[in-house]
């Protein structure tokens, strides 16, 4: 029988980076995993000039439609290099707005959201975002708007790399006919196709380490509890309030795993994924 630490449990089938927080991002064939996550992920964010809050789709009524904005780097970021400009495309498909033309970018985005906003690449000290608590009794204080801090020095809410499996998405869809549990709703950085098993296989990974490719290592810290974002429409996906309700009904509100970078390295689509369980 194979040693579990030497056996591939699956493979990487998709890699995604989101250059601007809460906007749609880039599908990648390969990427460097650095100490802070996928290189360039959540490198930028819009900030609300009136409150200083980081703009987040977790407050969907205030920042309506932000998931329909596309963001991509003009050229790939490189480890140790300067952050390249990002181009942002509005939902109407208009001309890209470059981060190197901040006045035009601020004018167009502020008009679109009806609030004065500006793009930043350096998180402010004690950065915060607002969160609309789902209208579900299971989460407590349903419908309330609360304030949360980002991970220190970043625009991340609570984890630097989010991992999800194809089996979880397929299982949710089998449980909720008529709803599309599309990967875009869940915004993982790494989508893994397990070699075996069904259902929520990643629930067993907490505390262990995922080895991606030759060098990158991600320590699995906790399940990822989901928020109102997964219900929102984006692109061809229609709004669907059953998505989050089903995630709470069938998996305690969780879909995917939060991870922290334990070792850096390059990861590519098609790479094997190996699992090192937590030691007693």
C-alpha atoms as a PDB file:
ATOM      1  CA  UNK A   1       0.000   0.000   0.000  1.00  0.00           C
ATOM      2  CA  UNK A   2       1.318   3.482  -0.901  1.00  0.00           C
ATOM      3  CA  UNK A   3       2.473   5.885   1.735  1.00  0.00           C
ATOM      4  CA  UNK A   4      -0.264   8.589   1.813  1.00  0.00           C
ATOM      5  CA  UNK A   5       2.363  11.318   1.723  1.00  0.00           C
ATOM      6  CA  UNK A   6       3.771   9.920  -1.550  1.00  0.00           C
ATOM      7  CA  UNK A   7       0.491   9.297  -3.344  1.00  0.00           C
ATOM      8  CA  UNK A   8      -1.099  11.808  -5.676  1.00  0.00           C
ATOM      9  CA  UNK A   9      -4.665  12.483  -4.547  1.00  0.00           C
ATOM     10  CA  UNK A  10      -5.593  14.568  -7.561  1.00  0.00           C
ATOM     11  CA  UNK A  11      -4.422  17.174 -10.023  1.00  0.00           C
ATOM     12  CA  UNK A  12      -4.707  20.907 -10.542  1.00  0.00           C
ATOM     13  CA  UNK A  13      -7.346  21.602 -13.190  1.00  0.00           C
ATOM     14  CA  UNK A  14      -7.623  25.399 -12.901  1.00  0.00           C
ATOM     15  CA  UNK A  15      -5.684  28.338 -11.467  1.00  0.00           C
ATOM     16  CA  UNK A  16      -7.273  31.743 -10.961  1.00  0.00           C
ATOM     17  CA  UNK A  17      -5.912  35.105  -9.899  1.00  0.00           C
ATOM     18  CA  UNK A  18      -7.962  38.193  -9.084  1.00  0.00           C
ATOM     19  CA  UNK A  19      -5.807  41.305  -9.582  1.00  0.00           C
ATOM     20  CA  UNK A  20      -8.508  43.622  -8.181  1.00  0.00           C
ATOM     21  CA  UNK A  21     -10.506  42.543  -5.149  1.00  0.00           C
ATOM     22  CA  UNK A  22     -14.117  41.549  -5.933  1.00  0.00           C
ATOM     23  CA  UNK A  23     -13.683  41.902  -9.703  1.00  0.00           C
ATOM     24  CA  UNK A  24     -13.446  39.019 -12.117  1.00  0.00           C
ATOM     25  CA  UNK A  25      -9.935  37.815 -12.702  1.00  0.00           C
ATOM     26  CA  UNK A  26      -7.616  35.760 -14.853  1.00  0.00           C
ATOM     27  CA  UNK A  27      -7.420  32.059 -15.642  1.00  0.00           C
ATOM     28  CA  UNK A  28      -3.783  30.974 -15.634  1.00  0.00           C
ATOM     29  CA  UNK A  29      -1.855  28.056 -17.077  1.00  0.00           C
ATOM     30  CA  UNK A  30       0.840  28.474 -14.426  1.00  0.00           C
ATOM     31  CA  UNK A  31       1.688  30.866 -11.588  1.00  0.00           C
ATOM     32  CA  UNK A  32       4.245  31.459  -8.875  1.00  0.00           C
ATOM     33  CA  UNK A  33       3.044  30.783  -5.354  1.00  0.00           C
ATOM     34  CA  UNK A  34       4.827  33.297  -3.116  1.00  0.00           C
ATOM     35  CA  UNK A  35       4.666  33.898   0.628  1.00  0.00           C
ATOM     36  CA  UNK A  36       1.487  35.969   0.283  1.00  0.00           C
ATOM     37  CA  UNK A  37      -0.364  33.616  -2.084  1.00  0.00           C
ATOM     38  CA  UNK A  38      -0.603  33.503  -5.868  1.00  0.00           C
ATOM     39  CA  UNK A  39       1.676  36.209  -7.214  1.00  0.00           C
ATOM     40  CA  UNK A  40      -0.475  39.270  -7.991  1.00  0.00           C
ATOM     41  CA  UNK A  41      -3.655  37.994  -6.373  1.00  0.00           C
ATOM     42  CA  UNK A  42      -5.725  40.800  -4.818  1.00  0.00           C
ATOM     43  CA  UNK A  43      -2.841  43.148  -5.519  1.00  0.00           C
ATOM     44  CA  UNK A  44      -5.252  46.047  -6.012  1.00  0.00           C
ATOM     45  CA  UNK A  45      -8.556  47.131  -4.504  1.00  0.00           C
ATOM     46  CA  UNK A  46     -10.962  50.011  -4.794  1.00  0.00           C
ATOM     47  CA  UNK A  47     -11.321  52.100  -1.638  1.00  0.00           C
ATOM     48  CA  UNK A  48     -14.364  54.132  -0.672  1.00  0.00           C
ATOM     49  CA  UNK A  49     -13.208  57.729  -0.244  1.00  0.00           C
ATOM     50  CA  UNK A  50     -15.964  58.602   2.211  1.00  0.00           C
ATOM     51  CA  UNK A  51     -15.410  55.743   4.666  1.00  0.00           C
ATOM     52  CA  UNK A  52     -11.997  54.335   3.789  1.00  0.00           C
ATOM     53  CA  UNK A  53     -13.515  50.851   3.496  1.00  0.00           C
ATOM     54  CA  UNK A  54     -12.152  48.379   1.003  1.00  0.00           C
ATOM     55  CA  UNK A  55     -14.784  47.924  -1.710  1.00  0.00           C
ATOM     56  CA  UNK A  56     -16.137  44.374  -1.509  1.00  0.00           C
ATOM     57  CA  UNK A  57     -18.935  42.389  -3.128  1.00  0.00           C
ATOM     58  CA  UNK A  58     -19.731  41.225   0.396  1.00  0.00           C
ATOM     59  CA  UNK A  59     -21.750  44.482   0.566  1.00  0.00           C
ATOM     60  CA  UNK A  60     -23.616  43.846  -2.692  1.00  0.00           C
ATOM     61  CA  UNK A  61     -26.283  46.530  -2.449  1.00  0.00           C
ATOM     62  CA  UNK A  62     -23.683  49.255  -2.053  1.00  0.00           C
ATOM     63  CA  UNK A  63     -21.286  47.908  -4.677  1.00  0.00           C
ATOM     64  CA  UNK A  64     -23.820  46.452  -7.064  1.00  0.00           C
ATOM     65  CA  UNK A  65     -22.395  44.771 -10.139  1.00  0.00           C
ATOM     66  CA  UNK A  66     -18.737  44.834  -9.139  1.00  0.00           C
ATOM     67  CA  UNK A  67     -18.463  41.139 -10.053  1.00  0.00           C
ATOM     68  CA  UNK A  68     -19.180  42.111 -13.665  1.00  0.00           C
ATOM     69  CA  UNK A  69     -15.999  44.180 -13.930  1.00  0.00           C
ATOM     70  CA  UNK A  70     -12.982  42.388 -15.421  1.00  0.00           C
ATOM     71  CA  UNK A  71      -9.420  42.972 -14.228  1.00  0.00           C
ATOM     72  CA  UNK A  72      -6.186  41.653 -15.711  1.00  0.00           C
ATOM     73  CA  UNK A  73      -2.521  42.504 -15.568  1.00  0.00           C
ATOM     74  CA  UNK A  74      -1.133  44.185 -18.665  1.00  0.00           C
ATOM     75  CA  UNK A  75       1.876  41.931 -18.314  1.00  0.00           C
ATOM     76  CA  UNK A  76       2.486  39.103 -15.853  1.00  0.00           C
ATOM     77  CA  UNK A  77       3.947  40.123 -12.482  1.00  0.00           C
ATOM     78  CA  UNK A  78       7.359  38.707 -11.653  1.00  0.00           C
ATOM     79  CA  UNK A  79       8.748  37.749  -8.230  1.00  0.00           C
ATOM     80  CA  UNK A  80      10.640  40.691  -6.786  1.00  0.00           C
ATOM     81  CA  UNK A  81       9.618  42.983  -9.638  1.00  0.00           C
ATOM     82  CA  UNK A  82       7.463  46.089  -9.631  1.00  0.00           C
ATOM     83  CA  UNK A  83       3.741  45.526  -9.740  1.00  0.00           C
ATOM     84  CA  UNK A  84       2.634  45.918 -13.380  1.00  0.00           C
ATOM     85  CA  UNK A  85      -0.367  48.057 -14.321  1.00  0.00           C
ATOM     86  CA  UNK A  86      -3.791  46.464 -14.259  1.00  0.00           C
ATOM     87  CA  UNK A  87      -6.441  47.031 -16.918  1.00  0.00           C
ATOM     88  CA  UNK A  88     -10.068  47.126 -15.814  1.00  0.00           C
ATOM     89  CA  UNK A  89     -12.926  46.595 -18.262  1.00  0.00           C
ATOM     90  CA  UNK A  90     -16.409  47.869 -17.307  1.00  0.00           C
ATOM     91  CA  UNK A  91     -19.451  45.603 -17.618  1.00  0.00           C
ATOM     92  CA  UNK A  92     -20.518  47.357 -20.833  1.00  0.00           C
ATOM     93  CA  UNK A  93     -17.305  46.196 -22.492  1.00  0.00           C
ATOM     94  CA  UNK A  94     -15.974  49.710 -22.915  1.00  0.00           C
ATOM     95  CA  UNK A  95     -12.339  50.655 -23.343  1.00  0.00           C
ATOM     96  CA  UNK A  96     -10.026  49.316 -20.615  1.00  0.00           C
ATOM     97  CA  UNK A  97      -9.224  51.615 -17.713  1.00  0.00           C
ATOM     98  CA  UNK A  98      -5.562  51.458 -16.759  1.00  0.00           C
ATOM     99  CA  UNK A  99      -4.241  51.818 -13.240  1.00  0.00           C
ATOM    100  CA  UNK A 100      -1.557  54.049 -14.772  1.00  0.00           C
ATOM    101  CA  UNK A 101      -4.299  56.580 -15.642  1.00  0.00           C
ATOM    102  CA  UNK A 102      -5.703  56.996 -12.120  1.00  0.00           C
ATOM    103  CA  UNK A 103      -7.752  60.135 -12.781  1.00  0.00           C
ATOM    104  CA  UNK A 104      -9.745  58.565 -15.605  1.00  0.00           C
ATOM    105  CA  UNK A 105     -10.102  55.316 -13.676  1.00  0.00           C
ATOM    106  CA  UNK A 106     -11.402  57.125 -10.600  1.00  0.00           C
ATOM    107  CA  UNK A 107     -13.839  59.200 -12.628  1.00  0.00           C
ATOM    108  CA  UNK A 108     -15.386  56.230 -14.443  1.00  0.00           C
ATOM    109  CA  UNK A 109     -15.586  53.894 -11.452  1.00  0.00           C
ATOM    110  CA  UNK A 110     -16.943  56.576  -9.111  1.00  0.00           C
ATOM    111  CA  UNK A 111     -19.677  57.458 -11.583  1.00  0.00           C
ATOM    112  CA  UNK A 112     -20.537  53.786 -12.116  1.00  0.00           C
ATOM    113  CA  UNK A 113     -20.894  52.984  -8.409  1.00  0.00           C
ATOM    114  CA  UNK A 114     -22.390  56.310  -7.374  1.00  0.00           C
ATOM    115  CA  UNK A 115     -19.679  56.663  -4.733  1.00  0.00           C
ATOM    116  CA  UNK A 116     -16.252  58.297  -4.822  1.00  0.00           C
ATOM    117  CA  UNK A 117     -13.721  55.471  -5.076  1.00  0.00           C
ATOM    118  CA  UNK A 118     -10.058  55.162  -5.987  1.00  0.00           C
ATOM    119  CA  UNK A 119      -7.757  52.269  -6.815  1.00  0.00           C
ATOM    120  CA  UNK A 120      -4.941  51.369  -4.423  1.00  0.00           C
ATOM    121  CA  UNK A 121      -2.169  48.791  -4.435  1.00  0.00           C
ATOM    122  CA  UNK A 122      -0.998  49.445  -0.871  1.00  0.00           C
ATOM    123  CA  UNK A 123      -3.506  48.389   1.796  1.00  0.00           C
ATOM    124  CA  UNK A 124      -4.110  51.077   4.420  1.00  0.00           C
ATOM    125  CA  UNK A 125      -3.245  50.265   8.021  1.00  0.00           C
ATOM    126  CA  UNK A 126      -6.056  48.290   9.652  1.00  0.00           C
ATOM    127  CA  UNK A 127      -7.946  48.008   6.368  1.00  0.00           C
ATOM    128  CA  UNK A 128     -11.621  47.071   6.753  1.00  0.00           C
ATOM    129  CA  UNK A 129     -14.511  45.996   4.559  1.00  0.00           C
ATOM    130  CA  UNK A 130     -18.261  45.763   5.138  1.00  0.00           C
ATOM    131  CA  UNK A 131     -20.138  42.473   5.143  1.00  0.00           C
ATOM    132  CA  UNK A 132     -23.860  41.983   4.620  1.00  0.00           C
ATOM    133  CA  UNK A 133     -24.727  39.000   6.776  1.00  0.00           C
ATOM    134  CA  UNK A 134     -26.903  36.536   4.851  1.00  0.00           C
ATOM    135  CA  UNK A 135     -30.621  36.379   5.525  1.00  0.00           C
ATOM    136  CA  UNK A 136     -30.203  32.951   7.091  1.00  0.00           C
ATOM    137  CA  UNK A 137     -30.873  32.150  10.724  1.00  0.00           C
ATOM    138  CA  UNK A 138     -27.930  29.723  10.655  1.00  0.00           C
ATOM    139  CA  UNK A 139     -25.388  32.566  10.493  1.00  0.00           C
ATOM    140  CA  UNK A 140     -26.870  34.674  13.286  1.00  0.00           C
ATOM    141  CA  UNK A 141     -27.884  38.346  13.074  1.00  0.00           C
ATOM    142  CA  UNK A 142     -29.326  37.854   9.552  1.00  0.00           C
ATOM    143  CA  UNK A 143     -29.285  40.909   7.293  1.00  0.00           C
ATOM    144  CA  UNK A 144     -27.012  42.948   9.567  1.00  0.00           C
ATOM    145  CA  UNK A 145     -24.132  44.982   8.090  1.00  0.00           C
ATOM    146  CA  UNK A 146     -20.920  44.338  10.002  1.00  0.00           C
ATOM    147  CA  UNK A 147     -17.343  45.530   9.619  1.00  0.00           C
ATOM    148  CA  UNK A 148     -14.347  43.212   9.331  1.00  0.00           C
ATOM    149  CA  UNK A 149     -10.618  43.668   8.980  1.00  0.00           C
ATOM    150  CA  UNK A 150      -8.520  42.227   6.177  1.00  0.00           C
ATOM    151  CA  UNK A 151      -5.457  40.098   6.817  1.00  0.00           C
ATOM    152  CA  UNK A 152      -2.777  42.554   8.014  1.00  0.00           C
ATOM    153  CA  UNK A 153      -1.015  44.297   5.157  1.00  0.00           C
ATOM    154  CA  UNK A 154      -3.210  42.698   2.479  1.00  0.00           C
ATOM    155  CA  UNK A 155      -6.568  42.965   0.737  1.00  0.00           C
ATOM    156  CA  UNK A 156      -7.424  39.336   1.632  1.00  0.00           C
ATOM    157  CA  UNK A 157     -10.472  38.752   3.812  1.00  0.00           C
ATOM    158  CA  UNK A 158      -9.284  35.693   5.719  1.00  0.00           C
ATOM    159  CA  UNK A 159      -6.954  33.432   3.700  1.00  0.00           C
ATOM    160  CA  UNK A 160      -4.173  33.892   1.177  1.00  0.00           C
ATOM    161  CA  UNK A 161      -5.060  30.897  -1.038  1.00  0.00           C
ATOM    162  CA  UNK A 162      -8.481  29.306  -1.477  1.00  0.00           C
ATOM    163  CA  UNK A 163      -8.725  25.694  -2.663  1.00  0.00           C
ATOM    164  CA  UNK A 164     -11.838  23.914  -3.946  1.00  0.00           C
ATOM    165  CA  UNK A 165     -12.520  20.519  -5.535  1.00  0.00           C
ATOM    166  CA  UNK A 166     -14.561  19.547  -8.564  1.00  0.00           C
ATOM    167  CA  UNK A 167     -16.252  16.853  -6.487  1.00  0.00           C
ATOM    168  CA  UNK A 168     -17.722  19.423  -4.100  1.00  0.00           C
ATOM    169  CA  UNK A 169     -19.201  21.422  -6.971  1.00  0.00           C
ATOM    170  CA  UNK A 170     -20.619  18.279  -8.570  1.00  0.00           C
ATOM    171  CA  UNK A 171     -22.062  17.103  -5.255  1.00  0.00           C
ATOM    172  CA  UNK A 172     -23.806  20.408  -4.610  1.00  0.00           C
ATOM    173  CA  UNK A 173     -25.328  20.339  -8.098  1.00  0.00           C
ATOM    174  CA  UNK A 174     -26.611  16.798  -7.535  1.00  0.00           C
ATOM    175  CA  UNK A 175     -28.281  17.941  -4.312  1.00  0.00           C
ATOM    176  CA  UNK A 176     -29.841  21.091  -5.775  1.00  0.00           C
ATOM    177  CA  UNK A 177     -31.197  20.407  -9.284  1.00  0.00           C
ATOM    178  CA  UNK A 178     -31.708  23.558 -11.297  1.00  0.00           C
ATOM    179  CA  UNK A 179     -28.966  25.599  -9.612  1.00  0.00           C
ATOM    180  CA  UNK A 180     -25.577  26.180 -11.239  1.00  0.00           C
ATOM    181  CA  UNK A 181     -22.743  25.630  -8.797  1.00  0.00           C
ATOM    182  CA  UNK A 182     -20.324  27.175 -11.250  1.00  0.00           C
ATOM    183  CA  UNK A 183     -16.745  27.563 -10.060  1.00  0.00           C
ATOM    184  CA  UNK A 184     -16.926  31.308 -10.824  1.00  0.00           C
ATOM    185  CA  UNK A 185     -19.353  31.793  -7.932  1.00  0.00           C
ATOM    186  CA  UNK A 186     -16.797  30.476  -5.439  1.00  0.00           C
ATOM    187  CA  UNK A 187     -13.639  32.212  -6.724  1.00  0.00           C
ATOM    188  CA  UNK A 188     -11.029  29.617  -5.716  1.00  0.00           C
ATOM    189  CA  UNK A 189      -7.383  30.162  -6.573  1.00  0.00           C
ATOM    190  CA  UNK A 190      -6.786  26.441  -7.074  1.00  0.00           C
ATOM    191  CA  UNK A 191      -9.371  23.982  -8.370  1.00  0.00           C
ATOM    192  CA  UNK A 192      -8.443  20.347  -7.746  1.00  0.00           C
ATOM    193  CA  UNK A 193      -9.880  17.275  -9.413  1.00  0.00           C
ATOM    194  CA  UNK A 194      -9.501  14.397  -6.929  1.00  0.00           C
ATOM    195  CA  UNK A 195      -8.432  11.003  -8.234  1.00  0.00           C
ATOM    196  CA  UNK A 196     -11.046   9.234  -6.152  1.00  0.00           C
ATOM    197  CA  UNK A 197     -13.864   9.868  -3.738  1.00  0.00           C
ATOM    198  CA  UNK A 198     -17.061  11.875  -3.979  1.00  0.00           C
ATOM    199  CA  UNK A 199     -18.810  14.553  -2.025  1.00  0.00           C
ATOM    200  CA  UNK A 200     -16.942  17.065   0.099  1.00  0.00           C
ATOM    201  CA  UNK A 201     -13.596  15.275   0.071  1.00  0.00           C
ATOM    202  CA  UNK A 202     -11.614  18.341   1.169  1.00  0.00           C
ATOM    203  CA  UNK A 203     -13.382  18.355   4.533  1.00  0.00           C
ATOM    204  CA  UNK A 204     -10.822  15.743   5.587  1.00  0.00           C
ATOM    205  CA  UNK A 205      -7.828  17.918   4.743  1.00  0.00           C
ATOM    206  CA  UNK A 206      -7.888  20.384   7.652  1.00  0.00           C
ATOM    207  CA  UNK A 207      -4.511  20.543   9.377  1.00  0.00           C
ATOM    208  CA  UNK A 208      -2.706  18.754   6.566  1.00  0.00           C
ATOM    209  CA  UNK A 209      -0.507  20.047   3.762  1.00  0.00           C
ATOM    210  CA  UNK A 210      -1.199  20.032   0.031  1.00  0.00           C
ATOM    211  CA  UNK A 211       1.894  19.662  -2.146  1.00  0.00           C
ATOM    212  CA  UNK A 212       1.357  21.201  -5.574  1.00  0.00           C
ATOM    213  CA  UNK A 213       3.885  20.445  -8.280  1.00  0.00           C
ATOM    214  CA  UNK A 214       7.506  20.107  -7.228  1.00  0.00           C
ATOM    215  CA  UNK A 215       7.847  22.726  -4.483  1.00  0.00           C
ATOM    216  CA  UNK A 216       4.724  24.649  -3.497  1.00  0.00           C
ATOM    217  CA  UNK A 217       3.098  23.639  -0.221  1.00  0.00           C
ATOM    218  CA  UNK A 218      -0.194  24.882   1.223  1.00  0.00           C
ATOM    219  CA  UNK A 219      -1.218  24.209   4.812  1.00  0.00           C
ATOM    220  CA  UNK A 220      -4.967  23.697   5.087  1.00  0.00           C
ATOM    221  CA  UNK A 221      -6.155  25.846   7.999  1.00  0.00           C
ATOM    222  CA  UNK A 222      -9.963  25.788   7.972  1.00  0.00           C
ATOM    223  CA  UNK A 223     -13.068  25.216   5.877  1.00  0.00           C
ATOM    224  CA  UNK A 224     -14.196  28.299   3.958  1.00  0.00           C
ATOM    225  CA  UNK A 225     -17.556  29.509   5.213  1.00  0.00           C
ATOM    226  CA  UNK A 226     -19.420  31.213   2.407  1.00  0.00           C
ATOM    227  CA  UNK A 227     -21.170  34.569   2.211  1.00  0.00           C
ATOM    228  CA  UNK A 228     -23.750  36.352   0.069  1.00  0.00           C
ATOM    229  CA  UNK A 229     -21.299  36.644  -2.842  1.00  0.00           C
ATOM    230  CA  UNK A 230     -22.035  33.104  -4.034  1.00  0.00           C
ATOM    231  CA  UNK A 231     -25.683  34.066  -4.660  1.00  0.00           C
ATOM    232  CA  UNK A 232     -24.861  37.028  -6.883  1.00  0.00           C
ATOM    233  CA  UNK A 233     -25.197  37.139 -10.628  1.00  0.00           C
ATOM    234  CA  UNK A 234     -22.113  37.669 -12.765  1.00  0.00           C
ATOM    235  CA  UNK A 235     -21.636  37.353 -16.482  1.00  0.00           C
ATOM    236  CA  UNK A 236     -24.008  34.630 -17.697  1.00  0.00           C
ATOM    237  CA  UNK A 237     -24.689  33.391 -14.160  1.00  0.00           C
ATOM    238  CA  UNK A 238     -28.068  34.496 -12.845  1.00  0.00           C
ATOM    239  CA  UNK A 239     -28.575  35.463  -9.186  1.00  0.00           C
ATOM    240  CA  UNK A 240     -29.609  32.403  -7.180  1.00  0.00           C
ATOM    241  CA  UNK A 241     -30.458  32.644  -3.496  1.00  0.00           C
ATOM    242  CA  UNK A 242     -30.574  28.843  -3.258  1.00  0.00           C
ATOM    243  CA  UNK A 243     -26.795  28.578  -3.604  1.00  0.00           C
ATOM    244  CA  UNK A 244     -25.832  29.837  -0.148  1.00  0.00           C
ATOM    245  CA  UNK A 245     -28.887  28.298   1.490  1.00  0.00           C
ATOM    246  CA  UNK A 246     -27.841  24.916   0.091  1.00  0.00           C
ATOM    247  CA  UNK A 247     -24.223  25.310   1.183  1.00  0.00           C
ATOM    248  CA  UNK A 248     -25.435  25.824   4.756  1.00  0.00           C
ATOM    249  CA  UNK A 249     -27.990  23.022   4.533  1.00  0.00           C
ATOM    250  CA  UNK A 250     -25.585  20.412   3.187  1.00  0.00           C
ATOM    251  CA  UNK A 251     -22.097  21.362   4.407  1.00  0.00           C
ATOM    252  CA  UNK A 252     -22.434  23.715   7.399  1.00  0.00           C
ATOM    253  CA  UNK A 253     -21.957  26.751   5.181  1.00  0.00           C
ATOM    254  CA  UNK A 254     -18.590  25.606   3.839  1.00  0.00           C
ATOM    255  CA  UNK A 255     -17.332  25.184   0.279  1.00  0.00           C
ATOM    256  CA  UNK A 256     -13.598  24.747  -0.158  1.00  0.00           C
ATOM    257  CA  UNK A 257     -10.646  25.240   2.150  1.00  0.00           C
ATOM    258  CA  UNK A 258      -8.609  28.182   3.398  1.00  0.00           C
ATOM    259  CA  UNK A 259      -4.863  27.635   3.176  1.00  0.00           C
ATOM    260  CA  UNK A 260      -1.617  29.375   4.054  1.00  0.00           C
ATOM    261  CA  UNK A 261       1.592  29.165   2.063  1.00  0.00           C
ATOM    262  CA  UNK A 262       4.132  26.897   3.724  1.00  0.00           C
ATOM    263  CA  UNK A 263       6.576  26.679   0.792  1.00  0.00           C
ATOM    264  CA  UNK A 264       6.764  28.702  -2.399  1.00  0.00           C
ATOM    265  CA  UNK A 265       7.097  27.426  -5.943  1.00  0.00           C
ATOM    266  CA  UNK A 266       5.633  27.385  -9.416  1.00  0.00           C
ATOM    267  CA  UNK A 267       2.315  25.601  -9.950  1.00  0.00           C
ATOM    268  CA  UNK A 268       0.790  24.677 -13.299  1.00  0.00           C
ATOM    269  CA  UNK A 269      -2.486  23.244 -14.508  1.00  0.00           C
ATOM    270  CA  UNK A 270      -2.024  19.481 -14.711  1.00  0.00           C
ATOM    271  CA  UNK A 271       0.330  19.282 -11.731  1.00  0.00           C
ATOM    272  CA  UNK A 272      -0.182  16.433  -9.311  1.00  0.00           C
ATOM    273  CA  UNK A 273      -1.520  17.234  -5.862  1.00  0.00           C
ATOM    274  CA  UNK A 274      -0.210  15.212  -2.924  1.00  0.00           C
ATOM    275  CA  UNK A 275      -1.570  15.313   0.592  1.00  0.00           C
ATOM    276  CA  UNK A 276       0.448  15.151   3.797  1.00  0.00           C
ATOM    277  CA  UNK A 277      -1.954  14.573   6.711  1.00  0.00           C
ATOM    278  CA  UNK A 278      -1.599  16.427   9.977  1.00  0.00           C
ATOM    279  CA  UNK A 279       0.768  14.725  12.401  1.00  0.00           C
ATOM    280  CA  UNK A 280      -0.585  13.672  15.772  1.00  0.00           C
END
